[in-house]
Amino acid sequence: MTESDPQGLDHMQTRLQHVLGELRRLQGTPPADIREQLVAAIAAEGLPDQPPSWLRDASAELSAGRLVVIGPRQIPEEAEHLEPDPDQHAAG
């Protein structure tokens, strides 16, 4: 699933977005714990391993309650109705 297979890549990204959506319930959980669950969920989906830096950053975002979006085609419908949480700070 590479750039030479755009449909396969899109399908993989959609599945990865689904995994991230399922893990949003872990808001407030330490990032290291989320990372373990994220790695397990990715493997359970049969998706390829993700880079350590992406896993670290995605886990931190999920822990903080922020929406992680893989790409523009994978933006969840509920994202249109989300309001920023004033108690959460943007990653930076």
PDB file of N, CA and C in Angstrom:
ATOM      1  N   MET A   1       0.834  -1.176   0.000  1.00  0.00           N
ATOM      2  CA  MET A   1       0.000   0.000   0.000  1.00  0.00           C
ATOM      3  C   MET A   1       0.882   1.243   0.000  1.00  0.00           C
ATOM      4  N   THR A   2       1.161   1.695  -1.184  1.00  0.00           N
ATOM      5  CA  THR A   2       2.019   2.856  -1.326  1.00  0.00           C
ATOM      6  C   THR A   2       1.340   3.866  -2.236  1.00  0.00           C
ATOM      7  N   GLU A   3       2.100   4.874  -2.599  1.00  0.00           N
ATOM      8  CA  GLU A   3       1.559   5.876  -3.505  1.00  0.00           C
ATOM      9  C   GLU A   3       1.179   5.270  -4.842  1.00  0.00           C
ATOM     10  N   SER A   4       1.751   4.109  -5.200  1.00  0.00           N
ATOM     11  CA  SER A   4       1.385   3.451  -6.455  1.00  0.00           C
ATOM     12  C   SER A   4       0.044   2.735  -6.350  1.00  0.00           C
ATOM     13  N   ASP A   5      -0.511   2.668  -5.150  1.00  0.00           N
ATOM     14  CA  ASP A   5      -1.816   2.041  -4.910  1.00  0.00           C
ATOM     15  C   ASP A   5      -2.670   3.000  -4.071  1.00  0.00           C
ATOM     16  N   PRO A   6      -3.163   4.085  -4.704  1.00  0.00           N
ATOM     17  CA  PRO A   6      -3.885   5.100  -3.930  1.00  0.00           C
ATOM     18  C   PRO A   6      -5.117   4.564  -3.200  1.00  0.00           C
ATOM     19  N   GLN A   7      -5.829   3.634  -3.802  1.00  0.00           N
ATOM     20  CA  GLN A   7      -7.019   3.085  -3.135  1.00  0.00           C
ATOM     21  C   GLN A   7      -6.627   2.281  -1.907  1.00  0.00           C
ATOM     22  N   GLY A   8      -5.548   1.511  -2.019  1.00  0.00           N
ATOM     23  CA  GLY A   8      -5.066   0.744  -0.875  1.00  0.00           C
ATOM     24  C   GLY A   8      -4.579   1.652   0.240  1.00  0.00           C
ATOM     25  N   LEU A   9      -3.896   2.719  -0.140  1.00  0.00           N
ATOM     26  CA  LEU A   9      -3.410   3.680   0.843  1.00  0.00           C
ATOM     27  C   LEU A   9      -4.584   4.363   1.542  1.00  0.00           C
ATOM     28  N   ASP A  10      -5.588   4.762   0.776  1.00  0.00           N
ATOM     29  CA  ASP A  10      -6.765   5.404   1.355  1.00  0.00           C
ATOM     30  C   ASP A  10      -7.478   4.457   2.313  1.00  0.00           C
ATOM     31  N   HIS A  11      -7.592   3.199   1.931  1.00  0.00           N
ATOM     32  CA  HIS A  11      -8.238   2.204   2.798  1.00  0.00           C
ATOM     33  C   HIS A  11      -7.444   2.027   4.099  1.00  0.00           C
ATOM     34  N   MET A  12      -6.121   1.960   3.987  1.00  0.00           N
ATOM     35  CA  MET A  12      -5.278   1.814   5.175  1.00  0.00           C
ATOM     36  C   MET A  12      -5.433   3.028   6.089  1.00  0.00           C
ATOM     37  N   GLN A  13      -5.434   4.224   5.504  1.00  0.00           N
ATOM     38  CA  GLN A  13      -5.574   5.434   6.299  1.00  0.00           C
ATOM     39  C   GLN A  13      -6.940   5.500   6.979  1.00  0.00           C
ATOM     40  N   THR A  14      -7.966   5.052   6.286  1.00  0.00           N
ATOM     41  CA  THR A  14      -9.304   5.029   6.876  1.00  0.00           C
ATOM     42  C   THR A  14      -9.346   4.070   8.064  1.00  0.00           C
ATOM     43  N   ARG A  15      -8.718   2.916   7.931  1.00  0.00           N
ATOM     44  CA  ARG A  15      -8.670   1.963   9.040  1.00  0.00           C
ATOM     45  C   ARG A  15      -7.874   2.526  10.215  1.00  0.00           C
ATOM     46  N   LEU A  16      -6.767   3.205   9.927  1.00  0.00           N
ATOM     47  CA  LEU A  16      -5.970   3.810  10.982  1.00  0.00           C
ATOM     48  C   LEU A  16      -6.766   4.918  11.681  1.00  0.00           C
ATOM     49  N   GLN A  17      -7.542   5.685  10.908  1.00  0.00           N
ATOM     50  CA  GLN A  17      -8.376   6.723  11.507  1.00  0.00           C
ATOM     51  C   GLN A  17      -9.420   6.105  12.425  1.00  0.00           C
ATOM     52  N   HIS A  18      -9.949   4.960  12.035  1.00  0.00           N
ATOM     53  CA  HIS A  18     -10.922   4.254  12.879  1.00  0.00           C
ATOM     54  C   HIS A  18     -10.276   3.848  14.210  1.00  0.00           C
ATOM     55  N   VAL A  19      -9.054   3.342  14.149  1.00  0.00           N
ATOM     56  CA  VAL A  19      -8.329   2.969  15.374  1.00  0.00           C
ATOM     57  C   VAL A  19      -8.181   4.191  16.277  1.00  0.00           C
ATOM     58  N   LEU A  20      -7.777   5.307  15.702  1.00  0.00           N
ATOM     59  CA  LEU A  20      -7.611   6.533  16.493  1.00  0.00           C
ATOM     60  C   LEU A  20      -8.938   6.975  17.104  1.00  0.00           C
ATOM     61  N   GLY A  21     -10.011   6.840  16.351  1.00  0.00           N
ATOM     62  CA  GLY A  21     -11.326   7.204  16.878  1.00  0.00           C
ATOM     63  C   GLY A  21     -11.726   6.342  18.054  1.00  0.00           C
ATOM     64  N   GLU A  22     -11.410   5.071  17.979  1.00  0.00           N
ATOM     65  CA  GLU A  22     -11.732   4.160  19.079  1.00  0.00           C
ATOM     66  C   GLU A  22     -10.945   4.509  20.344  1.00  0.00           C
ATOM     67  N   LEU A  23      -9.746   5.014  20.187  1.00  0.00           N
ATOM     68  CA  LEU A  23      -8.894   5.308  21.340  1.00  0.00           C
ATOM     69  C   LEU A  23      -9.128   6.704  21.925  1.00  0.00           C
ATOM     70  N   ARG A  24      -9.989   7.487  21.310  1.00  0.00           N
ATOM     71  CA  ARG A  24     -10.285   8.826  21.854  1.00  0.00           C
ATOM     72  C   ARG A  24     -10.872   8.735  23.255  1.00  0.00           C
ATOM     73  N   ARG A  25     -11.468   7.618  23.579  1.00  0.00           N
ATOM     74  CA  ARG A  25     -12.069   7.420  24.909  1.00  0.00           C
ATOM     75  C   ARG A  25     -11.017   7.413  26.016  1.00  0.00           C
ATOM     76  N   LEU A  26      -9.750   7.337  25.645  1.00  0.00           N
ATOM     77  CA  LEU A  26      -8.668   7.252  26.626  1.00  0.00           C
ATOM     78  C   LEU A  26      -8.153   8.615  27.068  1.00  0.00           C
ATOM     79  N   GLN A  27      -8.883   9.663  26.742  1.00  0.00           N
ATOM     80  CA  GLN A  27      -8.460  11.002  27.149  1.00  0.00           C
ATOM     81  C   GLN A  27      -8.136  11.014  28.637  1.00  0.00           C
ATOM     82  N   GLY A  28      -7.016  11.610  28.985  1.00  0.00           N
ATOM     83  CA  GLY A  28      -6.588  11.692  30.377  1.00  0.00           C
ATOM     84  C   GLY A  28      -5.698  10.543  30.811  1.00  0.00           C
ATOM     85  N   THR A  29      -5.616   9.510  29.985  1.00  0.00           N
ATOM     86  CA  THR A  29      -4.734   8.374  30.260  1.00  0.00           C
ATOM     87  C   THR A  29      -3.305   8.799  29.920  1.00  0.00           C
ATOM     88  N   PRO A  30      -2.314   8.373  30.687  1.00  0.00           N
ATOM     89  CA  PRO A  30      -0.927   8.736  30.360  1.00  0.00           C
ATOM     90  C   PRO A  30      -0.562   8.314  28.926  1.00  0.00           C
ATOM     91  N   PRO A  31       0.157   9.173  28.204  1.00  0.00           N
ATOM     92  CA  PRO A  31       0.522   8.864  26.819  1.00  0.00           C
ATOM     93  C   PRO A  31       1.222   7.513  26.652  1.00  0.00           C
ATOM     94  N   ALA A  32       2.068   7.129  27.602  1.00  0.00           N
ATOM     95  CA  ALA A  32       2.774   5.842  27.477  1.00  0.00           C
ATOM     96  C   ALA A  32       1.777   4.674  27.469  1.00  0.00           C
ATOM     97  N   ASP A  33       0.720   4.784  28.269  1.00  0.00           N
ATOM     98  CA  ASP A  33      -0.304   3.727  28.290  1.00  0.00           C
ATOM     99  C   ASP A  33      -1.094   3.716  26.986  1.00  0.00           C
ATOM    100  N   ILE A  34      -1.394   4.907  26.470  1.00  0.00           N
ATOM    101  CA  ILE A  34      -2.118   4.989  25.198  1.00  0.00           C
ATOM    102  C   ILE A  34      -1.256   4.425  24.077  1.00  0.00           C
ATOM    103  N   ARG A  35       0.036   4.717  24.131  1.00  0.00           N
ATOM    104  CA  ARG A  35       0.940   4.222  23.079  1.00  0.00           C
ATOM    105  C   ARG A  35       0.893   2.696  23.012  1.00  0.00           C
ATOM    106  N   GLU A  36       0.926   2.049  24.144  1.00  0.00           N
ATOM    107  CA  GLU A  36       0.845   0.581  24.162  1.00  0.00           C
ATOM    108  C   GLU A  36      -0.444   0.096  23.510  1.00  0.00           C
ATOM    109  N   GLN A  37      -1.550   0.725  23.861  1.00  0.00           N
ATOM    110  CA  GLN A  37      -2.838   0.324  23.298  1.00  0.00           C
ATOM    111  C   GLN A  37      -2.926   0.656  21.811  1.00  0.00           C
ATOM    112  N   LEU A  38      -2.322   1.773  21.412  1.00  0.00           N
ATOM    113  CA  LEU A  38      -2.314   2.158  20.003  1.00  0.00           C
ATOM    114  C   LEU A  38      -1.528   1.148  19.171  1.00  0.00           C
ATOM    115  N   VAL A  39      -0.356   0.767  19.656  1.00  0.00           N
ATOM    116  CA  VAL A  39       0.457  -0.233  18.947  1.00  0.00           C
ATOM    117  C   VAL A  39      -0.320  -1.545  18.820  1.00  0.00           C
ATOM    118  N   ALA A  40      -0.971  -1.966  19.903  1.00  0.00           N
ATOM    119  CA  ALA A  40      -1.741  -3.217  19.882  1.00  0.00           C
ATOM    120  C   ALA A  40      -2.919  -3.124  18.920  1.00  0.00           C
ATOM    121  N   ALA A  41      -3.610  -1.992  18.915  1.00  0.00           N
ATOM    122  CA  ALA A  41      -4.784  -1.822  18.046  1.00  0.00           C
ATOM    123  C   ALA A  41      -4.368  -1.785  16.573  1.00  0.00           C
ATOM    124  N   ILE A  42      -3.245  -1.151  16.286  1.00  0.00           N
ATOM    125  CA  ILE A  42      -2.730  -1.118  14.913  1.00  0.00           C
ATOM    126  C   ILE A  42      -2.385  -2.529  14.454  1.00  0.00           C
ATOM    127  N   ALA A  43      -1.722  -3.284  15.305  1.00  0.00           N
ATOM    128  CA  ALA A  43      -1.371  -4.672  14.966  1.00  0.00           C
ATOM    129  C   ALA A  43      -2.618  -5.526  14.784  1.00  0.00           C
ATOM    130  N   ALA A  44      -3.622  -5.332  15.649  1.00  0.00           N
ATOM    131  CA  ALA A  44      -4.860  -6.109  15.558  1.00  0.00           C
ATOM    132  C   ALA A  44      -5.593  -5.831  14.248  1.00  0.00           C
ATOM    133  N   GLU A  45      -5.448  -4.622  13.724  1.00  0.00           N
ATOM    134  CA  GLU A  45      -6.069  -4.257  12.439  1.00  0.00           C
ATOM    135  C   GLU A  45      -5.271  -4.772  11.257  1.00  0.00           C
ATOM    136  N   GLY A  46      -4.076  -5.310  11.537  1.00  0.00           N
ATOM    137  CA  GLY A  46      -3.223  -5.789  10.450  1.00  0.00           C
ATOM    138  C   GLY A  46      -2.569  -4.662   9.675  1.00  0.00           C
ATOM    139  N   LEU A  47      -2.451  -3.507  10.311  1.00  0.00           N
ATOM    140  CA  LEU A  47      -1.826  -2.354   9.677  1.00  0.00           C
ATOM    141  C   LEU A  47      -0.318  -2.380   9.915  1.00  0.00           C
ATOM    142  N   PRO A  48       0.442  -1.725   9.049  1.00  0.00           N
ATOM    143  CA  PRO A  48       1.894  -1.714   9.238  1.00  0.00           C
ATOM    144  C   PRO A  48       2.291  -0.905  10.479  1.00  0.00           C
ATOM    145  N   ASP A  49       3.445  -1.246  11.029  1.00  0.00           N
ATOM    146  CA  ASP A  49       3.983  -0.499  12.168  1.00  0.00           C
ATOM    147  C   ASP A  49       4.132   0.961  11.777  1.00  0.00           C
ATOM    148  N   GLN A  50       3.889   1.826  12.750  1.00  0.00           N
ATOM    149  CA  GLN A  50       4.028   3.259  12.516  1.00  0.00           C
ATOM    150  C   GLN A  50       5.329   3.757  13.150  1.00  0.00           C
ATOM    151  N   PRO A  51       5.859   4.856  12.655  1.00  0.00           N
ATOM    152  CA  PRO A  51       7.115   5.377  13.204  1.00  0.00           C
ATOM    153  C   PRO A  51       6.978   5.730  14.686  1.00  0.00           C
ATOM    154  N   PRO A  52       8.021   5.482  15.467  1.00  0.00           N
ATOM    155  CA  PRO A  52       7.977   5.789  16.898  1.00  0.00           C
ATOM    156  C   PRO A  52       7.595   7.238  17.201  1.00  0.00           C
ATOM    157  N   SER A  53       8.084   8.174  16.401  1.00  0.00           N
ATOM    158  CA  SER A  53       7.755   9.584  16.659  1.00  0.00           C
ATOM    159  C   SER A  53       6.265   9.848  16.435  1.00  0.00           C
ATOM    160  N   TRP A  54       5.663   9.218  15.433  1.00  0.00           N
ATOM    161  CA  TRP A  54       4.231   9.383  15.197  1.00  0.00           C
ATOM    162  C   TRP A  54       3.434   8.761  16.338  1.00  0.00           C
ATOM    163  N   LEU A  55       3.836   7.586  16.782  1.00  0.00           N
ATOM    164  CA  LEU A  55       3.144   6.936  17.901  1.00  0.00           C
ATOM    165  C   LEU A  55       3.211   7.805  19.155  1.00  0.00           C
ATOM    166  N   ARG A  56       4.378   8.364  19.425  1.00  0.00           N
ATOM    167  CA  ARG A  56       4.558   9.237  20.592  1.00  0.00           C
ATOM    168  C   ARG A  56       3.640  10.458  20.496  1.00  0.00           C
ATOM    169  N   ASP A  57       3.670  11.116  19.346  1.00  0.00           N
ATOM    170  CA  ASP A  57       2.885  12.336  19.179  1.00  0.00           C
ATOM    171  C   ASP A  57       1.382  12.053  19.177  1.00  0.00           C
ATOM    172  N   ALA A  58       0.960  11.007  18.494  1.00  0.00           N
ATOM    173  CA  ALA A  58      -0.466  10.666  18.460  1.00  0.00           C
ATOM    174  C   ALA A  58      -0.958  10.303  19.858  1.00  0.00           C
ATOM    175  N   SER A  59      -0.149   9.582  20.611  1.00  0.00           N
ATOM    176  CA  SER A  59      -0.523   9.205  21.978  1.00  0.00           C
ATOM    177  C   SER A  59      -0.680  10.436  22.863  1.00  0.00           C
ATOM    178  N   ALA A  60       0.222  11.394  22.719  1.00  0.00           N
ATOM    179  CA  ALA A  60       0.140  12.627  23.501  1.00  0.00           C
ATOM    180  C   ALA A  60      -1.114  13.414  23.140  1.00  0.00           C
ATOM    181  N   GLU A  61      -1.429  13.474  21.853  1.00  0.00           N
ATOM    182  CA  GLU A  61      -2.628  14.195  21.415  1.00  0.00           C
ATOM    183  C   GLU A  61      -3.893  13.522  21.948  1.00  0.00           C
ATOM    184  N   LEU A  62      -3.954  12.210  21.857  1.00  0.00           N
ATOM    185  CA  LEU A  62      -5.118  11.482  22.371  1.00  0.00           C
ATOM    186  C   LEU A  62      -5.247  11.662  23.880  1.00  0.00           C
ATOM    187  N   SER A  63      -4.148  11.626  24.583  1.00  0.00           N
ATOM    188  CA  SER A  63      -4.166  11.805  26.032  1.00  0.00           C
ATOM    189  C   SER A  63      -4.747  13.167  26.401  1.00  0.00           C
ATOM    190  N   ALA A  64      -4.405  14.177  25.604  1.00  0.00           N
ATOM    191  CA  ALA A  64      -4.882  15.532  25.860  1.00  0.00           C
ATOM    192  C   ALA A  64      -6.311  15.758  25.369  1.00  0.00           C
ATOM    193  N   GLY A  65      -6.887  14.739  24.730  1.00  0.00           N
ATOM    194  CA  GLY A  65      -8.265  14.867  24.264  1.00  0.00           C
ATOM    195  C   GLY A  65      -8.398  15.516  22.903  1.00  0.00           C
ATOM    196  N   ARG A  66      -7.295  15.612  22.180  1.00  0.00           N
ATOM    197  CA  ARG A  66      -7.347  16.227  20.862  1.00  0.00           C
ATOM    198  C   ARG A  66      -7.590  15.179  19.784  1.00  0.00           C
ATOM    199  N   LEU A  67      -8.236  15.601  18.734  1.00  0.00           N
ATOM    200  CA  LEU A  67      -8.554  14.741  17.602  1.00  0.00           C
ATOM    201  C   LEU A  67      -7.321  14.596  16.719  1.00  0.00           C
ATOM    202  N   VAL A  68      -6.935  13.377  16.434  1.00  0.00           N
ATOM    203  CA  VAL A  68      -5.819  13.107  15.525  1.00  0.00           C
ATOM    204  C   VAL A  68      -6.427  12.702  14.188  1.00  0.00           C
ATOM    205  N   VAL A  69      -6.062  13.421  13.135  1.00  0.00           N
ATOM    206  CA  VAL A  69      -6.608  13.159  11.801  1.00  0.00           C
ATOM    207  C   VAL A  69      -5.473  12.758  10.875  1.00  0.00           C
ATOM    208  N   ILE A  70      -5.639  11.643  10.196  1.00  0.00           N
ATOM    209  CA  ILE A  70      -4.617  11.106   9.305  1.00  0.00           C
ATOM    210  C   ILE A  70      -4.503  11.933   8.027  1.00  0.00           C
ATOM    211  N   GLY A  71      -5.616  12.306   7.455  1.00  0.00           N
ATOM    212  CA  GLY A  71      -5.601  13.075   6.217  1.00  0.00           C
ATOM    213  C   GLY A  71      -6.975  13.662   5.950  1.00  0.00           C
ATOM    214  N   PRO A  72      -7.081  14.534   4.961  1.00  0.00           N
ATOM    215  CA  PRO A  72      -8.344  15.223   4.713  1.00  0.00           C
ATOM    216  C   PRO A  72      -9.513  14.285   4.390  1.00  0.00           C
ATOM    217  N   ARG A  73      -9.239  13.153   3.792  1.00  0.00           N
ATOM    218  CA  ARG A  73     -10.320  12.210   3.482  1.00  0.00           C
ATOM    219  C   ARG A  73     -10.802  11.469   4.730  1.00  0.00           C
ATOM    220  N   GLN A  74     -10.013  11.505   5.785  1.00  0.00           N
ATOM    221  CA  GLN A  74     -10.342  10.757   6.992  1.00  0.00           C
ATOM    222  C   GLN A  74     -10.898  11.642   8.110  1.00  0.00           C
ATOM    223  N   ILE A  75     -11.207  12.892   7.829  1.00  0.00           N
ATOM    224  CA  ILE A  75     -11.742  13.762   8.872  1.00  0.00           C
ATOM    225  C   ILE A  75     -13.107  13.222   9.299  1.00  0.00           C
ATOM    226  N   PRO A  76     -13.223  12.844  10.580  1.00  0.00           N
ATOM    227  CA  PRO A  76     -14.503  12.302  11.047  1.00  0.00           C
ATOM    228  C   PRO A  76     -15.614  13.343  10.955  1.00  0.00           C
ATOM    229  N   GLU A  77     -16.828  12.873  10.692  1.00  0.00           N
ATOM    230  CA  GLU A  77     -17.967  13.780  10.573  1.00  0.00           C
ATOM    231  C   GLU A  77     -18.160  14.617  11.825  1.00  0.00           C
ATOM    232  N   GLU A  78     -17.909  14.057  13.002  1.00  0.00           N
ATOM    233  CA  GLU A  78     -18.127  14.805  14.241  1.00  0.00           C
ATOM    234  C   GLU A  78     -17.149  15.967  14.394  1.00  0.00           C
ATOM    235  N   ALA A  79     -16.088  15.985  13.594  1.00  0.00           N
ATOM    236  CA  ALA A  79     -15.109  17.068  13.696  1.00  0.00           C
ATOM    237  C   ALA A  79     -15.737  18.414  13.353  1.00  0.00           C
ATOM    238  N   GLU A  80     -16.748  18.411  12.505  1.00  0.00           N
ATOM    239  CA  GLU A  80     -17.400  19.658  12.130  1.00  0.00           C
ATOM    240  C   GLU A  80     -18.140  20.281  13.307  1.00  0.00           C
ATOM    241  N   HIS A  81     -18.467  19.476  14.303  1.00  0.00           N
ATOM    242  CA  HIS A  81     -19.271  19.953  15.427  1.00  0.00           C
ATOM    243  C   HIS A  81     -18.456  20.124  16.704  1.00  0.00           C
ATOM    244  N   LEU A  82     -17.163  19.918  16.622  1.00  0.00           N
ATOM    245  CA  LEU A  82     -16.324  20.023  17.810  1.00  0.00           C
ATOM    246  C   LEU A  82     -15.992  21.474  18.109  1.00  0.00           C
ATOM    247  N   GLU A  83     -16.031  21.800  19.339  1.00  0.00           N
ATOM    248  CA  GLU A  83     -15.620  23.120  19.799  1.00  0.00           C
ATOM    249  C   GLU A  83     -14.283  22.957  20.513  1.00  0.00           C
ATOM    250  N   PRO A  84     -13.364  23.900  20.356  1.00  0.00           N
ATOM    251  CA  PRO A  84     -12.099  23.792  21.073  1.00  0.00           C
ATOM    252  C   PRO A  84     -12.325  23.828  22.587  1.00  0.00           C
ATOM    253  N   ASP A  85     -11.572  23.028  23.284  1.00  0.00           N
ATOM    254  CA  ASP A  85     -11.633  23.005  24.737  1.00  0.00           C
ATOM    255  C   ASP A  85     -10.701  24.087  25.262  1.00  0.00           C
ATOM    256  N   PRO A  86     -11.230  25.120  25.917  1.00  0.00           N
ATOM    257  CA  PRO A  86     -10.358  26.215  26.386  1.00  0.00           C
ATOM    258  C   PRO A  86      -9.343  25.775  27.427  1.00  0.00           C
ATOM    259  N   ASP A  87      -9.541  24.621  28.050  1.00  0.00           N
ATOM    260  CA  ASP A  87      -8.607  24.135  29.056  1.00  0.00           C
ATOM    261  C   ASP A  87      -7.456  23.342  28.424  1.00  0.00           C
ATOM    262  N   GLN A  88      -7.551  23.055  27.134  1.00  0.00           N
ATOM    263  CA  GLN A  88      -6.509  22.297  26.445  1.00  0.00           C
ATOM    264  C   GLN A  88      -5.657  23.261  25.628  1.00  0.00           C
ATOM    265  N   HIS A  89      -4.372  23.033  25.612  1.00  0.00           N
ATOM    266  CA  HIS A  89      -3.455  23.874  24.852  1.00  0.00           C
ATOM    267  C   HIS A  89      -3.039  23.144  23.599  1.00  0.00           C
ATOM    268  N   ALA A  90      -2.854  23.876  22.540  1.00  0.00           N
ATOM    269  CA  ALA A  90      -2.411  23.282  21.290  1.00  0.00           C
ATOM    270  C   ALA A  90      -1.009  22.726  21.442  1.00  0.00           C
ATOM    271  N   ALA A  91      -0.772  21.630  20.736  1.00  0.00           N
ATOM    272  CA  ALA A  91       0.572  21.031  20.759  1.00  0.00           C
ATOM    273  C   ALA A  91       1.557  22.008  20.140  1.00  0.00           C
ATOM    274  N   GLY A  92       2.746  21.964  20.628  1.00  0.00           N
ATOM    275  CA  GLY A  92       3.703  22.879  20.020  1.00  0.00           C
ATOM    276  C   GLY A  92       5.052  22.722  20.501  1.00  0.00           C
TER     277      GLY A  92
END
